[in-house]
Amino acid sequence: MPAYFKQNGYKSPSHSTKGPIQYAFNTPLETYHYWQTRPEVIETFRTFMQGHFGSKHINWLEWFPLQSVIISGFSEKQSPYLFVDVGGARGNQAHNVRSKFPRAPGIVVLQDLPSVIEDGANIHRDIEKVKQNFFEENSIKGARAYFLSHILHNWPTDESVQILKNIHDVMTPGYSRILICDLILPDQGVTLREAALDLGMLTLHSGMQRSKKQWRNLIERAELRIEKFWMPPKDGDGIVQVIRDD
């Protein structure tokens, strides 16, 4: 890390292909693409993510009022899609939503890259699987909610803006929402865990954990607006609730 930052002028990486991982392994590939060249690594990562979301930490669905914020406002006249789990890997979040709200109207969707979707096993039978690169315009238009869990912390600012704009362009103004499940850091006095996760995102992906101010700046650049920061009851991920006004 010291050698990387010395060479980089002690600045945060500007792109996902210009970070510490690329420097250390002498590769021009973004981290996920690099891992694809090493199947044992990507398989371990997917298993880790599945275990992480199934662990004993408080799941966002235990405290976030999805029924009142999203489900009760669903309108099939707007779109048949209720909840789109963007970049949802093996579908834990989509599965949890459909399992917790089995009678909720609308379609629950899992989106990820073709290689991930094709590998998906044991996905809830009522979840629709869609192949999607989130660096391209989203194929599902006008959904009630687009869910980004641990996505944006993996990417530096410009690429995060692009991910959001690709959803912005298919949102129905005033109706669709983006729910971002990620850490919401204080401006000062982060915990050791939060600092370690921030350093981890920087090291692995040229990304970052974000404070409220940083979230606001990011969302505004994508021509969206934050409706509310939902803070968790204990340490953990919060929810950034985002709307498109026009």
Protein backbone atom coordinates (compact mmCIF):
# COMPACT_ATOMS: atom_id res chain seq x y z
CA MET A 1 0.00 0.00 0.00
CA PRO A 2 2.69 2.61 0.82
CA ALA A 3 4.42 1.95 -2.51
CA TYR A 4 1.11 2.20 -4.40
CA PHE A 5 0.14 5.51 -2.81
CA LYS A 6 3.60 6.97 -3.28
CA GLN A 7 3.38 6.19 -6.99
CA ASN A 8 -0.21 7.50 -7.11
CA GLY A 9 0.55 10.81 -5.46
CA TYR A 10 -1.28 9.81 -2.27
CA LYS A 11 -4.69 10.14 -3.95
CA SER A 12 -7.66 7.82 -3.88
CA PRO A 13 -7.89 5.62 -6.99
CA SER A 14 -9.81 7.28 -9.81
CA HIS A 15 -10.90 4.06 -11.49
CA SER A 16 -11.47 0.42 -10.59
CA THR A 17 -8.61 -0.64 -12.88
CA LYS A 18 -6.08 1.65 -11.18
CA GLY A 19 -6.09 0.49 -7.57
CA PRO A 20 -3.86 -1.36 -5.14
CA ILE A 21 -4.90 -4.80 -6.42
CA GLN A 22 -3.89 -3.89 -9.97
CA TYR A 23 -0.60 -2.52 -8.69
CA ALA A 24 0.13 -5.59 -6.54
CA PHE A 25 -0.75 -8.22 -9.18
CA ASN A 26 0.40 -6.21 -12.20
CA THR A 27 -2.93 -6.60 -13.97
CA PRO A 28 -4.98 -4.14 -16.06
CA LEU A 29 -8.17 -5.96 -15.08
CA GLU A 30 -10.77 -4.71 -12.64
CA THR A 31 -10.79 -6.92 -9.53
CA TYR A 32 -13.88 -8.98 -10.37
CA HIS A 33 -12.60 -9.61 -13.90
CA TYR A 34 -9.22 -10.58 -12.48
CA TRP A 35 -10.88 -13.04 -10.12
CA GLN A 36 -12.70 -14.59 -13.08
CA THR A 37 -9.29 -15.69 -14.34
CA ARG A 38 -8.88 -17.58 -11.08
CA PRO A 39 -11.99 -19.76 -10.59
CA GLU A 40 -10.98 -20.89 -7.11
CA VAL A 41 -10.96 -17.28 -5.95
CA ILE A 42 -14.34 -16.28 -7.38
CA GLU A 43 -15.99 -19.41 -5.99
CA THR A 44 -14.60 -18.65 -2.54
CA PHE A 45 -15.88 -15.07 -2.85
CA ARG A 46 -19.42 -16.19 -3.75
CA THR A 47 -19.45 -18.62 -0.84
CA PHE A 48 -18.24 -15.85 1.48
CA MET A 49 -21.00 -13.49 0.32
CA GLN A 50 -23.65 -16.18 0.78
CA GLY A 51 -22.37 -16.88 4.28
CA HIS A 52 -22.15 -13.19 5.08
CA PHE A 53 -25.80 -12.56 4.23
CA GLY A 54 -26.83 -15.67 6.11
CA SER A 55 -24.85 -14.80 9.22
CA LYS A 56 -26.21 -13.68 12.58
CA HIS A 57 -25.82 -9.95 12.02
CA ILE A 58 -29.11 -8.04 11.94
CA ASN A 59 -30.70 -8.30 8.52
CA TRP A 60 -32.16 -5.07 7.17
CA LEU A 61 -35.56 -6.72 6.76
CA GLU A 62 -35.77 -7.15 10.53
CA TRP A 63 -36.02 -3.40 11.09
CA PHE A 64 -36.69 -1.63 7.77
CA PRO A 65 -40.46 -1.11 7.11
CA LEU A 66 -40.54 -2.54 3.59
CA GLN A 67 -44.29 -3.09 3.82
CA SER A 68 -45.17 0.55 4.42
CA VAL A 69 -42.35 2.13 2.39
CA ILE A 70 -42.46 -0.06 -0.72
CA ILE A 71 -45.07 -2.83 -0.82
CA SER A 72 -48.13 -0.78 0.17
CA GLY A 73 -47.40 1.69 -2.63
CA PHE A 74 -47.03 -0.95 -5.33
CA SER A 75 -49.18 -0.45 -8.43
CA GLU A 76 -49.40 -3.05 -11.16
CA LYS A 77 -50.58 -0.27 -13.48
CA GLN A 78 -47.12 1.24 -13.17
CA SER A 79 -45.16 -2.00 -13.56
CA PRO A 80 -45.54 -5.69 -12.67
CA TYR A 81 -42.20 -5.56 -10.86
CA LEU A 82 -42.07 -5.01 -7.10
CA PHE A 83 -38.45 -5.56 -6.09
CA VAL A 84 -35.33 -5.84 -8.27
CA ASP A 85 -32.19 -7.12 -6.52
CA VAL A 86 -29.50 -5.54 -8.71
CA GLY A 87 -26.21 -7.43 -8.69
CA GLY A 88 -27.76 -9.83 -6.18
CA ALA A 89 -25.29 -12.72 -6.63
CA ARG A 90 -26.88 -15.96 -5.40
CA GLY A 91 -30.14 -14.25 -4.52
CA ASN A 92 -30.10 -14.15 -0.72
CA GLN A 93 -31.77 -10.75 -0.53
CA ALA A 94 -34.41 -11.49 -3.14
CA HIS A 95 -35.07 -14.82 -1.42
CA ASN A 96 -35.46 -13.11 1.96
CA VAL A 97 -37.92 -10.56 0.59
CA ARG A 98 -40.13 -13.16 -1.08
CA SER A 99 -39.96 -15.47 1.96
CA LYS A 100 -40.87 -12.71 4.41
CA PHE A 101 -43.65 -11.34 2.21
CA PRO A 102 -45.01 -14.37 0.34
CA ARG A 103 -48.32 -12.67 -0.47
CA ALA A 104 -46.87 -9.34 -1.55
CA PRO A 105 -48.06 -8.39 -5.04
CA GLY A 106 -45.65 -8.00 -7.91
CA ILE A 107 -42.62 -9.82 -9.22
CA VAL A 108 -39.36 -10.15 -7.28
CA VAL A 109 -36.31 -10.24 -9.54
CA LEU A 110 -32.70 -11.31 -9.12
CA GLN A 111 -30.28 -9.63 -11.51
CA ASP A 112 -26.61 -10.37 -12.06
CA LEU A 113 -24.11 -11.22 -14.76
CA PRO A 114 -24.86 -14.26 -16.96
CA SER A 115 -22.18 -16.40 -15.31
CA VAL A 116 -23.68 -15.74 -11.89
CA ILE A 117 -27.30 -16.28 -12.92
CA GLU A 118 -26.45 -19.53 -14.67
CA ASP A 119 -24.67 -20.72 -11.54
CA GLY A 120 -27.59 -19.81 -9.27
CA ALA A 121 -28.88 -22.80 -7.37
CA ASN A 122 -31.66 -23.13 -4.80
CA ILE A 123 -33.22 -19.82 -5.76
CA HIS A 124 -36.80 -19.35 -4.52
CA ARG A 125 -39.16 -20.66 -7.20
CA ASP A 126 -41.12 -17.38 -7.25
CA ILE A 127 -38.08 -15.24 -8.07
CA GLU A 128 -37.47 -14.25 -11.67
CA LYS A 129 -33.81 -14.44 -12.73
CA VAL A 130 -32.56 -11.86 -15.22
CA LYS A 131 -29.09 -11.51 -16.73
CA GLN A 132 -27.93 -7.92 -16.27
CA ASN A 133 -24.71 -5.93 -16.28
CA PHE A 134 -25.33 -2.92 -14.03
CA PHE A 135 -22.97 -0.84 -16.16
CA GLU A 136 -25.65 -1.02 -18.87
CA GLU A 137 -29.16 0.41 -18.79
CA ASN A 138 -31.39 -1.74 -16.62
CA SER A 139 -33.72 -3.98 -18.61
CA ILE A 140 -36.57 -3.69 -16.08
CA LYS A 141 -38.41 -0.41 -16.39
CA GLY A 142 -40.54 1.28 -13.77
CA ALA A 143 -40.12 -1.19 -10.91
CA ARG A 144 -41.30 -0.14 -7.47
CA ALA A 145 -37.88 -0.74 -5.87
CA TYR A 146 -34.35 -1.32 -7.13
CA PHE A 147 -32.16 -2.77 -4.38
CA LEU A 148 -28.38 -2.32 -4.24
CA SER A 149 -26.82 -4.32 -1.42
CA HIS A 150 -23.08 -3.88 -0.93
CA ILE A 151 -22.66 -2.75 -4.54
CA LEU A 152 -21.63 0.89 -4.53
CA HIS A 153 -18.96 0.50 -1.85
CA ASN A 154 -17.09 -1.65 -4.37
CA TRP A 155 -16.69 1.17 -6.88
CA PRO A 156 -15.07 4.61 -6.98
CA THR A 157 -17.25 7.65 -7.51
CA ASP A 158 -17.47 7.91 -11.30
CA GLU A 159 -18.37 4.26 -11.76
CA SER A 160 -20.88 4.41 -8.90
CA VAL A 161 -22.55 7.36 -10.63
CA GLN A 162 -22.80 5.31 -13.83
CA ILE A 163 -24.45 2.40 -11.98
CA LEU A 164 -27.02 4.77 -10.49
CA LYS A 165 -27.70 6.56 -13.77
CA ASN A 166 -28.43 3.24 -15.47
CA ILE A 167 -31.21 2.76 -12.93
CA HIS A 168 -32.25 6.43 -12.95
CA ASP A 169 -33.06 6.18 -16.66
CA VAL A 170 -35.64 3.40 -16.15
CA MET A 171 -37.24 4.67 -12.93
CA THR A 172 -40.75 6.09 -12.91
CA PRO A 173 -40.45 9.58 -11.37
CA GLY A 174 -42.20 9.86 -8.02
CA TYR A 175 -42.99 6.13 -7.91
CA SER A 176 -39.81 4.07 -8.21
CA ARG A 177 -37.27 3.96 -5.42
CA ILE A 178 -33.67 2.85 -5.06
CA LEU A 179 -32.82 1.26 -1.73
CA ILE A 180 -29.08 1.20 -1.04
CA CYS A 181 -28.07 -1.19 1.72
CA ASP A 182 -24.61 -0.19 2.90
CA LEU A 183 -22.75 1.45 5.74
CA ILE A 184 -23.63 5.07 6.49
CA LEU A 185 -20.58 6.45 8.24
CA PRO A 186 -20.41 9.38 10.64
CA ASP A 187 -18.25 12.26 9.45
CA GLN A 188 -15.91 11.60 12.38
CA GLY A 189 -15.35 8.85 14.91
CA VAL A 190 -15.91 5.68 12.90
CA THR A 191 -15.59 2.34 14.65
CA LEU A 192 -12.62 0.05 14.08
CA ARG A 193 -14.85 -2.28 12.06
CA GLU A 194 -16.04 0.56 9.82
CA ALA A 195 -12.50 1.79 9.26
CA ALA A 196 -11.33 -1.73 8.40
CA LEU A 197 -14.17 -2.21 5.91
CA ASP A 198 -13.40 1.14 4.30
CA LEU A 199 -9.74 0.16 3.94
CA GLY A 200 -10.78 -3.23 2.57
CA MET A 201 -12.95 -1.66 -0.14
CA LEU A 202 -10.12 0.69 -1.08
CA THR A 203 -7.59 -2.13 -1.26
CA LEU A 204 -9.71 -4.65 -3.16
CA HIS A 205 -11.88 -2.51 -5.40
CA SER A 206 -10.67 1.12 -5.33
CA GLY A 207 -13.99 1.72 -3.56
CA MET A 208 -15.02 3.21 -0.23
CA GLN A 209 -17.54 3.26 2.58
CA ARG A 210 -19.43 6.57 2.60
CA SER A 211 -20.63 9.15 5.09
CA LYS A 212 -23.97 10.97 4.76
CA LYS A 213 -22.20 13.85 3.03
CA GLN A 214 -20.50 11.50 0.58
CA TRP A 215 -23.79 9.69 -0.12
CA ARG A 216 -25.51 13.02 -0.82
CA ASN A 217 -22.78 14.09 -3.23
CA LEU A 218 -22.92 10.75 -5.05
CA ILE A 219 -26.71 10.67 -5.35
CA GLU A 220 -26.87 14.28 -6.58
CA ARG A 221 -24.32 13.53 -9.29
CA ALA A 222 -26.66 10.80 -10.55
CA GLU A 223 -29.51 13.37 -10.71
CA LEU A 224 -31.41 11.65 -7.93
CA ARG A 225 -32.51 12.71 -4.45
CA ILE A 226 -32.17 11.09 -1.03
CA GLU A 227 -35.55 10.86 0.69
CA LYS A 228 -34.26 9.41 3.94
CA PHE A 229 -31.31 7.81 5.69
CA TRP A 230 -32.51 4.78 7.63
CA MET A 231 -30.03 3.98 10.37
CA PRO A 232 -29.86 0.44 11.81
CA PRO A 233 -30.76 -0.22 15.45
CA LYS A 234 -27.20 -1.43 16.10
CA ASP A 235 -23.92 -1.34 14.23
CA GLY A 236 -24.38 -2.48 10.68
CA ASP A 237 -25.73 -1.49 7.31
CA GLY A 238 -28.25 1.28 6.91
CA ILE A 239 -30.61 2.01 4.03
CA VAL A 240 -30.34 5.05 1.79
CA GLN A 241 -33.77 5.64 0.26
CA VAL A 242 -33.55 7.39 -3.11
CA ILE A 243 -36.13 8.81 -5.51
CA ARG A 244 -36.17 10.29 -9.01
CA ASP A 245 -38.21 13.49 -9.02
CA ASP A 246 -38.53 14.11 -12.76
